[in-house]
Amino acid sequence: VQLQASGGGLVQAGGSLKLSCTASRSISRTYTMGWYRQAPGKERELVASLMGGQLPTYADSVSGRFTISRDYAKSTVTLQMDFLTFEDTAVYSCYAKYREIVYWGQGTKVTVSS
């Protein structure tokens, strides 16, 4: 399975961006799909994740500003990012996980200018 991420870019603080990640084949809703990010000099952080039938989970740093959603028919996970701050600048990577099986998408860079 290949995951294709898109939607990164440059945005001013306070602005919005939407990231999307689509799988090359059907992904069961039993998979957890979500997003990690890694900023320069910092550890990788789980931003948001969502498994079918469950409530989404968010990092405290993005809760209330980011929204994760999935289109199960299209095997897509989307991250709507609002009220972006400079601290959100990072490379964002999507993933799909079921037990020990993990698929990764390529990173997409998000740069927030202050």
C-alpha atoms as a PDB file:
ATOM      1  CA  VAL A   1       0.000   0.000   0.000  1.00  0.00           C
ATOM      2  CA  GLN A   2       1.280   3.432  -0.879  1.00  0.00           C
ATOM      3  CA  LEU A   3       0.051   6.573   0.788  1.00  0.00           C
ATOM      4  CA  GLN A   4       0.155   9.803  -1.187  1.00  0.00           C
ATOM      5  CA  ALA A   5       0.079  12.990   0.839  1.00  0.00           C
ATOM      6  CA  SER A   6      -0.634  16.447  -0.462  1.00  0.00           C
ATOM      7  CA  GLY A   7      -1.623  19.912   0.679  1.00  0.00           C
ATOM      8  CA  GLY A   8       1.417  21.308   2.425  1.00  0.00           C
ATOM      9  CA  GLY A   9       2.766  24.735   1.732  1.00  0.00           C
ATOM     10  CA  LEU A  10       3.426  28.181   3.080  1.00  0.00           C
ATOM     11  CA  VAL A  11       0.774  30.030   5.049  1.00  0.00           C
ATOM     12  CA  GLN A  12       0.683  33.037   7.324  1.00  0.00           C
ATOM     13  CA  ALA A  13       0.034  32.652  11.012  1.00  0.00           C
ATOM     14  CA  GLY A  14      -3.674  32.503  11.665  1.00  0.00           C
ATOM     15  CA  GLY A  15      -4.339  30.907   8.321  1.00  0.00           C
ATOM     16  CA  SER A  16      -5.498  27.457   7.310  1.00  0.00           C
ATOM     17  CA  LEU A  17      -4.270  24.503   5.306  1.00  0.00           C
ATOM     18  CA  LYS A  18      -5.755  21.140   4.499  1.00  0.00           C
ATOM     19  CA  LEU A  19      -3.646  18.030   4.151  1.00  0.00           C
ATOM     20  CA  SER A  20      -4.904  14.950   2.371  1.00  0.00           C
ATOM     21  CA  CYS A  21      -3.542  11.438   2.199  1.00  0.00           C
ATOM     22  CA  THR A  22      -4.894   8.787  -0.121  1.00  0.00           C
ATOM     23  CA  ALA A  23      -4.067   5.097  -0.138  1.00  0.00           C
ATOM     24  CA  SER A  24      -3.281   3.260  -3.356  1.00  0.00           C
ATOM     25  CA  ARG A  25      -5.821   0.609  -2.476  1.00  0.00           C
ATOM     26  CA  SER A  26      -8.749   0.163  -0.158  1.00  0.00           C
ATOM     27  CA  ILE A  27      -7.937   0.576   3.526  1.00  0.00           C
ATOM     28  CA  SER A  28     -10.238  -1.121   6.013  1.00  0.00           C
ATOM     29  CA  ARG A  29     -11.827   1.115   8.608  1.00  0.00           C
ATOM     30  CA  THR A  30     -10.172  -1.099  11.200  1.00  0.00           C
ATOM     31  CA  TYR A  31      -6.928   0.605  10.279  1.00  0.00           C
ATOM     32  CA  THR A  32      -6.020   3.685  12.216  1.00  0.00           C
ATOM     33  CA  MET A  33      -5.057   6.502   9.908  1.00  0.00           C
ATOM     34  CA  GLY A  34      -3.530   9.732  10.996  1.00  0.00           C
ATOM     35  CA  TRP A  35      -0.743  12.242  10.887  1.00  0.00           C
ATOM     36  CA  TYR A  36       2.590  12.723  12.579  1.00  0.00           C
ATOM     37  CA  ARG A  37       4.762  15.783  12.310  1.00  0.00           C
ATOM     38  CA  GLN A  38       8.370  16.547  12.951  1.00  0.00           C
ATOM     39  CA  ALA A  39       9.758  20.024  13.323  1.00  0.00           C
ATOM     40  CA  PRO A  40      13.452  20.775  12.945  1.00  0.00           C
ATOM     41  CA  GLY A  41      15.329  19.778  16.064  1.00  0.00           C
ATOM     42  CA  LYS A  42      12.265  18.249  17.672  1.00  0.00           C
ATOM     43  CA  GLU A  43      10.962  14.741  18.165  1.00  0.00           C
ATOM     44  CA  ARG A  44       8.230  13.338  15.998  1.00  0.00           C
ATOM     45  CA  GLU A  45       4.793  14.080  17.364  1.00  0.00           C
ATOM     46  CA  LEU A  46       1.511  12.301  16.777  1.00  0.00           C
ATOM     47  CA  VAL A  47      -0.827  15.058  15.652  1.00  0.00           C
ATOM     48  CA  ALA A  48      -4.122  13.271  15.102  1.00  0.00           C
ATOM     49  CA  SER A  49      -5.485   9.817  14.427  1.00  0.00           C
ATOM     50  CA  LEU A  50      -8.781   8.200  13.619  1.00  0.00           C
ATOM     51  CA  MET A  51     -10.009   4.639  13.459  1.00  0.00           C
ATOM     52  CA  GLY A  52     -13.379   3.652  12.078  1.00  0.00           C
ATOM     53  CA  GLY A  53     -16.081   3.803  14.723  1.00  0.00           C
ATOM     54  CA  GLN A  54     -13.899   5.628  17.211  1.00  0.00           C
ATOM     55  CA  LEU A  55     -13.550   9.224  18.224  1.00  0.00           C
ATOM     56  CA  PRO A  56     -10.542  11.048  16.834  1.00  0.00           C
ATOM     57  CA  THR A  57      -7.545  11.747  19.029  1.00  0.00           C
ATOM     58  CA  TYR A  58      -5.489  14.909  18.920  1.00  0.00           C
ATOM     59  CA  ALA A  59      -2.281  16.180  20.391  1.00  0.00           C
ATOM     60  CA  ASP A  60      -2.962  18.791  23.042  1.00  0.00           C
ATOM     61  CA  SER A  61      -1.066  21.314  20.958  1.00  0.00           C
ATOM     62  CA  VAL A  62      -3.568  21.113  18.086  1.00  0.00           C
ATOM     63  CA  SER A  63      -6.812  20.234  19.841  1.00  0.00           C
ATOM     64  CA  GLY A  64      -9.510  22.704  18.908  1.00  0.00           C
ATOM     65  CA  ARG A  65      -7.624  23.909  15.848  1.00  0.00           C
ATOM     66  CA  PHE A  66      -7.122  20.791  13.752  1.00  0.00           C
ATOM     67  CA  THR A  67      -9.770  18.390  12.516  1.00  0.00           C
ATOM     68  CA  ILE A  68      -9.112  14.921  11.177  1.00  0.00           C
ATOM     69  CA  SER A  69     -11.573  13.100   8.989  1.00  0.00           C
ATOM     70  CA  ARG A  70     -11.688  10.048   6.783  1.00  0.00           C
ATOM     71  CA  ASP A  71     -13.434   9.118   3.602  1.00  0.00           C
ATOM     72  CA  TYR A  72     -13.616   5.357   3.958  1.00  0.00           C
ATOM     73  CA  ALA A  73     -14.870   4.847   0.427  1.00  0.00           C
ATOM     74  CA  LYS A  74     -11.849   6.662  -0.977  1.00  0.00           C
ATOM     75  CA  SER A  75      -9.364   5.461   1.687  1.00  0.00           C
ATOM     76  CA  THR A  76      -8.430   9.054   2.359  1.00  0.00           C
ATOM     77  CA  VAL A  77      -7.560  10.820   5.566  1.00  0.00           C
ATOM     78  CA  THR A  78      -7.709  14.595   5.738  1.00  0.00           C
ATOM     79  CA  LEU A  79      -6.303  17.016   8.264  1.00  0.00           C
ATOM     80  CA  GLN A  80      -7.909  20.435   8.322  1.00  0.00           C
ATOM     81  CA  MET A  81      -5.582  22.833  10.086  1.00  0.00           C
ATOM     82  CA  ASP A  82      -6.950  26.179  11.226  1.00  0.00           C
ATOM     83  CA  PHE A  83      -5.484  29.046  13.247  1.00  0.00           C
ATOM     84  CA  LEU A  84      -2.011  27.914  12.354  1.00  0.00           C
ATOM     85  CA  THR A  85       0.901  29.195  14.378  1.00  0.00           C
ATOM     86  CA  PHE A  86       4.617  29.269  13.779  1.00  0.00           C
ATOM     87  CA  GLU A  87       4.921  26.272  16.079  1.00  0.00           C
ATOM     88  CA  ASP A  88       2.947  24.196  13.585  1.00  0.00           C
ATOM     89  CA  THR A  89       5.798  24.444  11.092  1.00  0.00           C
ATOM     90  CA  ALA A  90       6.946  20.883  10.418  1.00  0.00           C
ATOM     91  CA  VAL A  91       7.003  18.040   7.970  1.00  0.00           C
ATOM     92  CA  TYR A  92       3.707  16.194   8.239  1.00  0.00           C
ATOM     93  CA  SER A  93       3.520  12.492   7.426  1.00  0.00           C
ATOM     94  CA  CYS A  94       0.421  10.370   7.141  1.00  0.00           C
ATOM     95  CA  TYR A  95       0.210   6.739   8.169  1.00  0.00           C
ATOM     96  CA  ALA A  96      -2.124   3.790   8.240  1.00  0.00           C
ATOM     97  CA  LYS A  97      -1.745   1.201  10.983  1.00  0.00           C
ATOM     98  CA  TYR A  98      -3.313  -2.092  11.910  1.00  0.00           C
ATOM     99  CA  ARG A  99      -1.632  -4.053  14.660  1.00  0.00           C
ATOM    100  CA  GLU A 100       1.998  -4.430  13.558  1.00  0.00           C
ATOM    101  CA  ILE A 101       1.334  -3.324  10.001  1.00  0.00           C
ATOM    102  CA  VAL A 102       2.218   0.294   9.339  1.00  0.00           C
ATOM    103  CA  TYR A 103       2.218   2.147   6.044  1.00  0.00           C
ATOM    104  CA  TRP A 104       3.734   5.596   5.671  1.00  0.00           C
ATOM    105  CA  GLY A 105       3.211   8.351   3.207  1.00  0.00           C
ATOM    106  CA  GLN A 106       5.891  10.756   2.131  1.00  0.00           C
ATOM    107  CA  GLY A 107       6.159  13.879   4.211  1.00  0.00           C
ATOM    108  CA  THR A 108       4.605  17.134   3.184  1.00  0.00           C
ATOM    109  CA  LYS A 109       6.092  20.343   4.477  1.00  0.00           C
ATOM    110  CA  VAL A 110       4.020  22.952   6.242  1.00  0.00           C
ATOM    111  CA  THR A 111       5.604  26.329   6.866  1.00  0.00           C
ATOM    112  CA  VAL A 112       3.812  28.956   8.902  1.00  0.00           C
ATOM    113  CA  SER A 113       5.219  32.447   8.687  1.00  0.00           C
ATOM    114  CA  SER A 114       4.916  34.613  11.763  1.00  0.00           C
END
